[in-house]
Amino acid sequence: MSEVHSREAPPPPSTWGFLEAALVYVISLVVAGAVIFGLFSAVASCRARFLLGALTGQVVLASVVLLWVRYVKRTPLASLGVPRRPLLDVALGMATGLGLYVVGVVVGALVIVLATLVLGHRPDPPEQVVSCVRGAALLLSAPIIVLGAPLAEETFFRGFLYRGLRRRLSIWPAAIVSALVFGVIHYAEPSYLLIIPSLAAVGLGLALLYERRQSLLAAIAAHASFNLVGFLLIVLTR
């Protein structure tokens, strides 16, 4: 495989590795789970639970990463990938995200074909935004899905996990490992097995974009444009 050479100066070196990234993710799950448990005990609405659960998970994940880097590792937050040319990063990121959406659709279609051959019937894809989220609740979920999720997930998966892997691995092994983790972590129930390959392919593209630009903003913009297309399709079909 040919190397993906960085076009920008690299951020300050990371001081963490894969095991620390795993620990940070577990900590975020525990903290978010505790907060969500408390919230759900006071909220019965399916729509409110979806919105609060998604927002809480994103805020906690990003916060734990930032606190770990700054106060546990005593490393500048710039080590996560501060943009040097923000406008270019956003433009390239958004264009890449649209391209990755096409990649995700193609990979997803191939998985559906394979699953249909194995199962003998066409499987139903997972419902990533629960059906109770409609109308105003769906509109309220827009910033959470289009902005919040990309910001939190890219901070962890590219800025923290991928950067940690790059301490010991070259570009392609680090990108592939981070992409596989990105796909698998989205598993929620058996039907999600249908989209894990697509998510892994998208995660690979995001890691390579991050490596190329050395910018977390580029990866966030790509993830945001990817999620925007998916969100608009949900709005149009619900």
C-alpha atoms as a PDB file:
ATOM      1  CA  MET A   1       0.000   0.000   0.000  1.00  0.00           C
ATOM      2  CA  SER A   2       1.239   3.497  -0.758  1.00  0.00           C
ATOM      3  CA  GLU A   3       1.690   5.853   2.147  1.00  0.00           C
ATOM      4  CA  VAL A   4      -0.623   8.803   2.735  1.00  0.00           C
ATOM      5  CA  HIS A   5       1.777  11.677   3.225  1.00  0.00           C
ATOM      6  CA  SER A   6       0.785  14.573   5.466  1.00  0.00           C
ATOM      7  CA  ARG A   7       0.530  17.937   3.750  1.00  0.00           C
ATOM      8  CA  GLU A   8       0.501  19.941   6.973  1.00  0.00           C
ATOM      9  CA  ALA A   9       2.951  20.185   9.853  1.00  0.00           C
ATOM     10  CA  PRO A  10       2.094  17.589  12.503  1.00  0.00           C
ATOM     11  CA  PRO A  11       0.580  18.657  15.836  1.00  0.00           C
ATOM     12  CA  PRO A  12       2.546  18.236  19.081  1.00  0.00           C
ATOM     13  CA  PRO A  13       3.273  14.524  19.670  1.00  0.00           C
ATOM     14  CA  SER A  14       0.757  12.404  21.538  1.00  0.00           C
ATOM     15  CA  THR A  15       1.780  10.984  24.906  1.00  0.00           C
ATOM     16  CA  TRP A  16      -0.777   8.183  25.130  1.00  0.00           C
ATOM     17  CA  GLY A  17      -1.348   4.810  23.507  1.00  0.00           C
ATOM     18  CA  PHE A  18      -4.068   2.345  22.554  1.00  0.00           C
ATOM     19  CA  LEU A  19      -4.648   0.994  26.067  1.00  0.00           C
ATOM     20  CA  GLU A  20      -5.155   4.481  27.444  1.00  0.00           C
ATOM     21  CA  ALA A  21      -7.621   5.199  24.661  1.00  0.00           C
ATOM     22  CA  ALA A  22      -9.547   2.064  25.628  1.00  0.00           C
ATOM     23  CA  LEU A  23      -9.505   3.136  29.282  1.00  0.00           C
ATOM     24  CA  VAL A  24     -10.761   6.614  28.419  1.00  0.00           C
ATOM     25  CA  TYR A  25     -13.616   5.119  26.407  1.00  0.00           C
ATOM     26  CA  VAL A  26     -14.615   2.821  29.276  1.00  0.00           C
ATOM     27  CA  ILE A  27     -14.529   5.751  31.706  1.00  0.00           C
ATOM     28  CA  SER A  28     -16.755   7.780  29.399  1.00  0.00           C
ATOM     29  CA  LEU A  29     -19.209   4.873  29.134  1.00  0.00           C
ATOM     30  CA  VAL A  30     -19.415   4.529  32.917  1.00  0.00           C
ATOM     31  CA  VAL A  31     -19.862   8.259  33.510  1.00  0.00           C
ATOM     32  CA  ALA A  32     -22.365   8.678  30.688  1.00  0.00           C
ATOM     33  CA  GLY A  33     -24.250   5.579  31.828  1.00  0.00           C
ATOM     34  CA  ALA A  34     -24.569   6.938  35.359  1.00  0.00           C
ATOM     35  CA  VAL A  35     -25.789  10.326  34.135  1.00  0.00           C
ATOM     36  CA  ILE A  36     -28.225   8.792  31.661  1.00  0.00           C
ATOM     37  CA  PHE A  37     -29.590   6.432  34.328  1.00  0.00           C
ATOM     38  CA  GLY A  38     -30.366   9.430  36.512  1.00  0.00           C
ATOM     39  CA  LEU A  39     -31.957  11.337  33.654  1.00  0.00           C
ATOM     40  CA  PHE A  40     -34.059   8.400  32.492  1.00  0.00           C
ATOM     41  CA  SER A  41     -35.413   7.877  35.997  1.00  0.00           C
ATOM     42  CA  ALA A  42     -36.979  11.329  35.725  1.00  0.00           C
ATOM     43  CA  VAL A  43     -37.948  11.246  32.037  1.00  0.00           C
ATOM     44  CA  ALA A  44     -40.377   8.772  30.488  1.00  0.00           C
ATOM     45  CA  SER A  45     -40.721  10.203  26.978  1.00  0.00           C
ATOM     46  CA  CYS A  46     -39.068   8.119  24.250  1.00  0.00           C
ATOM     47  CA  ARG A  47     -38.174  11.275  22.331  1.00  0.00           C
ATOM     48  CA  ALA A  48     -36.661  13.028  25.335  1.00  0.00           C
ATOM     49  CA  ARG A  49     -34.699   9.923  26.275  1.00  0.00           C
ATOM     50  CA  PHE A  50     -33.210   9.664  22.794  1.00  0.00           C
ATOM     51  CA  LEU A  51     -32.182  13.319  22.737  1.00  0.00           C
ATOM     52  CA  LEU A  52     -30.822  13.362  26.286  1.00  0.00           C
ATOM     53  CA  GLY A  53     -29.048  10.031  25.889  1.00  0.00           C
ATOM     54  CA  ALA A  54     -27.337  11.018  22.645  1.00  0.00           C
ATOM     55  CA  LEU A  55     -26.330  14.462  23.895  1.00  0.00           C
ATOM     56  CA  THR A  56     -25.036  13.135  27.211  1.00  0.00           C
ATOM     57  CA  GLY A  57     -22.922  10.461  25.555  1.00  0.00           C
ATOM     58  CA  GLN A  58     -21.326  12.981  23.215  1.00  0.00           C
ATOM     59  CA  VAL A  59     -20.602  15.611  25.869  1.00  0.00           C
ATOM     60  CA  VAL A  60     -19.118  13.055  28.250  1.00  0.00           C
ATOM     61  CA  LEU A  61     -16.928  11.382  25.599  1.00  0.00           C
ATOM     62  CA  ALA A  62     -15.432  14.658  24.382  1.00  0.00           C
ATOM     63  CA  SER A  63     -15.013  15.979  27.925  1.00  0.00           C
ATOM     64  CA  VAL A  64     -13.228  12.880  29.213  1.00  0.00           C
ATOM     65  CA  VAL A  65     -10.798  12.959  26.277  1.00  0.00           C
ATOM     66  CA  LEU A  66     -10.016  16.647  26.751  1.00  0.00           C
ATOM     67  CA  LEU A  67      -9.606  16.316  30.520  1.00  0.00           C
ATOM     68  CA  TRP A  68      -7.394  13.250  30.131  1.00  0.00           C
ATOM     69  CA  VAL A  69      -5.108  14.928  27.614  1.00  0.00           C
ATOM     70  CA  ARG A  70      -4.865  18.202  29.522  1.00  0.00           C
ATOM     71  CA  TYR A  71      -4.754  17.112  33.153  1.00  0.00           C
ATOM     72  CA  VAL A  72      -3.762  13.441  33.254  1.00  0.00           C
ATOM     73  CA  LYS A  73      -1.196  13.499  30.458  1.00  0.00           C
ATOM     74  CA  ARG A  74      -0.400  17.213  30.877  1.00  0.00           C
ATOM     75  CA  THR A  75      -0.218  17.500  27.115  1.00  0.00           C
ATOM     76  CA  PRO A  76      -1.384  20.495  25.045  1.00  0.00           C
ATOM     77  CA  LEU A  77      -4.834  20.023  23.535  1.00  0.00           C
ATOM     78  CA  ALA A  78      -3.212  21.005  20.249  1.00  0.00           C
ATOM     79  CA  SER A  79      -1.822  17.457  20.168  1.00  0.00           C
ATOM     80  CA  LEU A  80      -5.302  16.324  19.104  1.00  0.00           C
ATOM     81  CA  GLY A  81      -4.872  18.204  15.830  1.00  0.00           C
ATOM     82  CA  VAL A  82      -5.413  21.963  15.790  1.00  0.00           C
ATOM     83  CA  PRO A  83      -6.225  23.236  12.266  1.00  0.00           C
ATOM     84  CA  ARG A  84      -3.698  25.497  10.596  1.00  0.00           C
ATOM     85  CA  ARG A  85      -5.910  26.381   7.617  1.00  0.00           C
ATOM     86  CA  PRO A  86      -9.470  26.093   8.973  1.00  0.00           C
ATOM     87  CA  LEU A  87     -11.394  27.136   5.867  1.00  0.00           C
ATOM     88  CA  LEU A  88      -9.515  24.704   3.657  1.00  0.00           C
ATOM     89  CA  ASP A  89      -9.940  21.955   6.247  1.00  0.00           C
ATOM     90  CA  VAL A  90     -13.700  22.519   6.357  1.00  0.00           C
ATOM     91  CA  ALA A  91     -14.028  22.596   2.558  1.00  0.00           C
ATOM     92  CA  LEU A  92     -11.933  19.477   2.014  1.00  0.00           C
ATOM     93  CA  GLY A  93     -13.599  17.764   4.944  1.00  0.00           C
ATOM     94  CA  MET A  94     -17.122  18.373   3.677  1.00  0.00           C
ATOM     95  CA  ALA A  95     -16.220  17.167   0.196  1.00  0.00           C
ATOM     96  CA  THR A  96     -14.570  14.070   1.638  1.00  0.00           C
ATOM     97  CA  GLY A  97     -17.611  13.365   3.787  1.00  0.00           C
ATOM     98  CA  LEU A  98     -19.872  13.359   0.741  1.00  0.00           C
ATOM     99  CA  GLY A  99     -17.519  10.968  -1.006  1.00  0.00           C
ATOM    100  CA  LEU A 100     -17.430   8.726   2.046  1.00  0.00           C
ATOM    101  CA  TYR A 101     -21.215   8.617   2.068  1.00  0.00           C
ATOM    102  CA  VAL A 102     -21.110   7.094  -1.412  1.00  0.00           C
ATOM    103  CA  VAL A 103     -18.487   4.610  -0.209  1.00  0.00           C
ATOM    104  CA  GLY A 104     -20.685   3.715   2.755  1.00  0.00           C
ATOM    105  CA  VAL A 105     -23.702   3.144   0.513  1.00  0.00           C
ATOM    106  CA  VAL A 106     -21.729   0.882  -1.835  1.00  0.00           C
ATOM    107  CA  VAL A 107     -20.243  -1.179   1.004  1.00  0.00           C
ATOM    108  CA  GLY A 108     -23.640  -1.369   2.693  1.00  0.00           C
ATOM    109  CA  ALA A 109     -25.294  -2.591  -0.502  1.00  0.00           C
ATOM    110  CA  LEU A 110     -22.687  -5.325  -0.893  1.00  0.00           C
ATOM    111  CA  VAL A 111     -23.230  -6.421   2.712  1.00  0.00           C
ATOM    112  CA  ILE A 112     -27.005  -6.581   2.158  1.00  0.00           C
ATOM    113  CA  VAL A 113     -26.514  -8.720  -0.954  1.00  0.00           C
ATOM    114  CA  LEU A 114     -24.195 -11.086   0.916  1.00  0.00           C
ATOM    115  CA  ALA A 115     -26.505 -11.270   3.942  1.00  0.00           C
ATOM    116  CA  THR A 116     -29.473 -11.996   1.674  1.00  0.00           C
ATOM    117  CA  LEU A 117     -27.607 -14.883   0.049  1.00  0.00           C
ATOM    118  CA  VAL A 118     -26.638 -16.320   3.443  1.00  0.00           C
ATOM    119  CA  LEU A 119     -29.987 -15.831   5.200  1.00  0.00           C
ATOM    120  CA  GLY A 120     -32.262 -16.550   2.262  1.00  0.00           C
ATOM    121  CA  HIS A 121     -34.150 -13.281   2.737  1.00  0.00           C
ATOM    122  CA  ARG A 122     -33.362  -9.584   2.697  1.00  0.00           C
ATOM    123  CA  PRO A 123     -32.529  -8.434   6.256  1.00  0.00           C
ATOM    124  CA  ASP A 124     -33.902  -5.207   7.685  1.00  0.00           C
ATOM    125  CA  PRO A 125     -31.259  -2.544   8.382  1.00  0.00           C
ATOM    126  CA  PRO A 126     -31.033  -1.106  11.897  1.00  0.00           C
ATOM    127  CA  GLU A 127     -32.999   1.946  12.957  1.00  0.00           C
ATOM    128  CA  GLN A 128     -30.294   4.390  14.012  1.00  0.00           C
ATOM    129  CA  VAL A 129     -32.767   7.112  14.989  1.00  0.00           C
ATOM    130  CA  VAL A 130     -35.628   5.472  16.880  1.00  0.00           C
ATOM    131  CA  SER A 131     -39.032   5.737  15.205  1.00  0.00           C
ATOM    132  CA  CYS A 132     -40.563   7.745  18.058  1.00  0.00           C
ATOM    133  CA  VAL A 133     -38.324  10.692  17.150  1.00  0.00           C
ATOM    134  CA  ARG A 134     -40.490  12.708  14.778  1.00  0.00           C
ATOM    135  CA  GLY A 135     -41.569  16.270  14.127  1.00  0.00           C
ATOM    136  CA  ALA A 136     -40.054  18.801  16.524  1.00  0.00           C
ATOM    137  CA  ALA A 137     -37.992  16.126  18.267  1.00  0.00           C
ATOM    138  CA  LEU A 138     -36.426  15.143  14.953  1.00  0.00           C
ATOM    139  CA  LEU A 139     -35.528  18.763  14.252  1.00  0.00           C
ATOM    140  CA  LEU A 140     -34.065  19.107  17.747  1.00  0.00           C
ATOM    141  CA  SER A 141     -31.920  16.066  17.078  1.00  0.00           C
ATOM    142  CA  ALA A 142     -30.325  17.750  14.042  1.00  0.00           C
ATOM    143  CA  PRO A 143     -27.515  19.587  15.881  1.00  0.00           C
ATOM    144  CA  ILE A 144     -26.870  16.515  18.021  1.00  0.00           C
ATOM    145  CA  ILE A 145     -26.537  14.230  15.001  1.00  0.00           C
ATOM    146  CA  VAL A 146     -24.921  16.607  12.521  1.00  0.00           C
ATOM    147  CA  LEU A 147     -22.600  18.534  14.853  1.00  0.00           C
ATOM    148  CA  GLY A 148     -22.421  16.907  18.277  1.00  0.00           C
ATOM    149  CA  ALA A 149     -21.696  13.354  17.163  1.00  0.00           C
ATOM    150  CA  PRO A 150     -18.942  14.341  14.701  1.00  0.00           C
ATOM    151  CA  LEU A 151     -17.265  16.612  17.247  1.00  0.00           C
ATOM    152  CA  ALA A 152     -17.263  14.032  20.039  1.00  0.00           C
ATOM    153  CA  GLU A 153     -16.483  10.974  17.930  1.00  0.00           C
ATOM    154  CA  GLU A 154     -13.704  12.594  15.926  1.00  0.00           C
ATOM    155  CA  THR A 155     -12.134  13.958  19.100  1.00  0.00           C
ATOM    156  CA  PHE A 156     -11.938  10.406  20.411  1.00  0.00           C
ATOM    157  CA  PHE A 157     -11.519   8.170  17.358  1.00  0.00           C
ATOM    158  CA  ARG A 158      -9.180  10.310  15.255  1.00  0.00           C
ATOM    159  CA  GLY A 159      -7.709  12.852  17.663  1.00  0.00           C
ATOM    160  CA  PHE A 160      -7.152  10.416  20.540  1.00  0.00           C
ATOM    161  CA  LEU A 161      -7.356   6.778  19.406  1.00  0.00           C
ATOM    162  CA  TYR A 162      -5.727   7.133  15.982  1.00  0.00           C
ATOM    163  CA  ARG A 163      -3.088   9.523  17.305  1.00  0.00           C
ATOM    164  CA  GLY A 164      -2.314   7.074  20.084  1.00  0.00           C
ATOM    165  CA  LEU A 165      -1.964   4.212  17.616  1.00  0.00           C
ATOM    166  CA  ARG A 166       0.383   6.281  15.448  1.00  0.00           C
ATOM    167  CA  ARG A 167       2.939   6.343  18.272  1.00  0.00           C
ATOM    168  CA  ARG A 168       3.795   2.722  17.461  1.00  0.00           C
ATOM    169  CA  LEU A 169       2.179   1.957  14.100  1.00  0.00           C
ATOM    170  CA  SER A 170       2.599   3.308  10.601  1.00  0.00           C
ATOM    171  CA  ILE A 171      -0.273   5.051   8.848  1.00  0.00           C
ATOM    172  CA  TRP A 172      -2.171   2.132   7.313  1.00  0.00           C
ATOM    173  CA  PRO A 173      -2.114  -0.245  10.305  1.00  0.00           C
ATOM    174  CA  ALA A 174      -3.157   2.595  12.628  1.00  0.00           C
ATOM    175  CA  ALA A 175      -5.910   3.709  10.248  1.00  0.00           C
ATOM    176  CA  ILE A 176      -7.247   0.167   9.815  1.00  0.00           C
ATOM    177  CA  VAL A 177      -7.268  -0.601  13.543  1.00  0.00           C
ATOM    178  CA  SER A 178      -8.974   2.688  14.394  1.00  0.00           C
ATOM    179  CA  ALA A 179     -11.506   2.121  11.599  1.00  0.00           C
ATOM    180  CA  LEU A 180     -12.381  -1.366  12.849  1.00  0.00           C
ATOM    181  CA  VAL A 181     -12.809  -0.059  16.392  1.00  0.00           C
ATOM    182  CA  PHE A 182     -14.968   2.784  15.058  1.00  0.00           C
ATOM    183  CA  GLY A 183     -17.232   0.305  13.290  1.00  0.00           C
ATOM    184  CA  VAL A 184     -17.482  -2.268  16.083  1.00  0.00           C
ATOM    185  CA  ILE A 185     -18.171   0.283  18.820  1.00  0.00           C
ATOM    186  CA  HIS A 186     -21.365   1.303  17.030  1.00  0.00           C
ATOM    187  CA  TYR A 187     -22.797  -2.191  17.580  1.00  0.00           C
ATOM    188  CA  ALA A 188     -26.067  -2.055  19.518  1.00  0.00           C
ATOM    189  CA  GLU A 189     -27.962  -5.166  18.392  1.00  0.00           C
ATOM    190  CA  PRO A 190     -27.578  -7.929  15.759  1.00  0.00           C
ATOM    191  CA  SER A 191     -29.024  -5.811  12.944  1.00  0.00           C
ATOM    192  CA  TYR A 192     -26.100  -3.401  13.382  1.00  0.00           C
ATOM    193  CA  LEU A 193     -23.816  -6.075  11.939  1.00  0.00           C
ATOM    194  CA  LEU A 194     -25.161  -4.923   8.580  1.00  0.00           C
ATOM    195  CA  ILE A 195     -23.699  -1.433   8.912  1.00  0.00           C
ATOM    196  CA  ILE A 196     -20.451  -2.116  10.770  1.00  0.00           C
ATOM    197  CA  PRO A 197     -18.503  -2.749   7.506  1.00  0.00           C
ATOM    198  CA  SER A 198     -19.790   0.541   6.076  1.00  0.00           C
ATOM    199  CA  LEU A 199     -18.874   2.417   9.234  1.00  0.00           C
ATOM    200  CA  ALA A 200     -15.427   0.825   9.249  1.00  0.00           C
ATOM    201  CA  ALA A 201     -14.889   1.925   5.642  1.00  0.00           C
ATOM    202  CA  VAL A 202     -15.963   5.447   6.540  1.00  0.00           C
ATOM    203  CA  GLY A 203     -13.720   5.373   9.612  1.00  0.00           C
ATOM    204  CA  LEU A 204     -10.778   4.401   7.426  1.00  0.00           C
ATOM    205  CA  GLY A 205     -11.428   7.361   5.164  1.00  0.00           C
ATOM    206  CA  LEU A 206     -11.700   9.714   8.126  1.00  0.00           C
ATOM    207  CA  ALA A 207      -8.410   8.470   9.562  1.00  0.00           C
ATOM    208  CA  LEU A 208      -6.623   8.980   6.245  1.00  0.00           C
ATOM    209  CA  LEU A 209      -8.104  12.471   5.923  1.00  0.00           C
ATOM    210  CA  TYR A 210      -6.937  13.277   9.445  1.00  0.00           C
ATOM    211  CA  GLU A 211      -3.463  12.006   8.606  1.00  0.00           C
ATOM    212  CA  ARG A 212      -3.370  14.029   5.404  1.00  0.00           C
ATOM    213  CA  ARG A 213      -4.520  17.296   6.974  1.00  0.00           C
ATOM    214  CA  GLN A 214      -3.182  16.772  10.521  1.00  0.00           C
ATOM    215  CA  SER A 215      -6.377  18.530  11.567  1.00  0.00           C
ATOM    216  CA  LEU A 216      -9.235  17.408  13.763  1.00  0.00           C
ATOM    217  CA  LEU A 217     -11.423  20.047  12.105  1.00  0.00           C
ATOM    218  CA  ALA A 218     -11.101  18.367   8.708  1.00  0.00           C
ATOM    219  CA  ALA A 219     -12.264  15.040  10.153  1.00  0.00           C
ATOM    220  CA  ILE A 220     -15.130  16.717  12.032  1.00  0.00           C
ATOM    221  CA  ALA A 221     -16.280  18.508   8.873  1.00  0.00           C
ATOM    222  CA  ALA A 222     -16.187  15.252   6.894  1.00  0.00           C
ATOM    223  CA  HIS A 223     -18.115  13.378   9.573  1.00  0.00           C
ATOM    224  CA  ALA A 224     -20.626  16.242   9.782  1.00  0.00           C
ATOM    225  CA  SER A 225     -21.354  16.276   6.049  1.00  0.00           C
ATOM    226  CA  PHE A 226     -21.666  12.477   6.093  1.00  0.00           C
ATOM    227  CA  ASN A 227     -24.173  12.646   8.959  1.00  0.00           C
ATOM    228  CA  LEU A 228     -26.026  15.540   7.330  1.00  0.00           C
ATOM    229  CA  VAL A 229     -26.830  13.472   4.247  1.00  0.00           C
ATOM    230  CA  GLY A 230     -28.024  10.583   6.388  1.00  0.00           C
ATOM    231  CA  PHE A 231     -30.112  12.891   8.564  1.00  0.00           C
ATOM    232  CA  LEU A 232     -31.781  14.543   5.570  1.00  0.00           C
ATOM    233  CA  LEU A 233     -32.718  11.131   4.184  1.00  0.00           C
ATOM    234  CA  ILE A 234     -34.303  10.232   7.531  1.00  0.00           C
ATOM    235  CA  VAL A 235     -36.271  13.499   7.527  1.00  0.00           C
ATOM    236  CA  LEU A 236     -37.503  12.900   3.978  1.00  0.00           C
ATOM    237  CA  THR A 237     -38.621   9.335   4.687  1.00  0.00           C
ATOM    238  CA  ARG A 238     -40.177   9.752   8.139  1.00  0.00           C
END
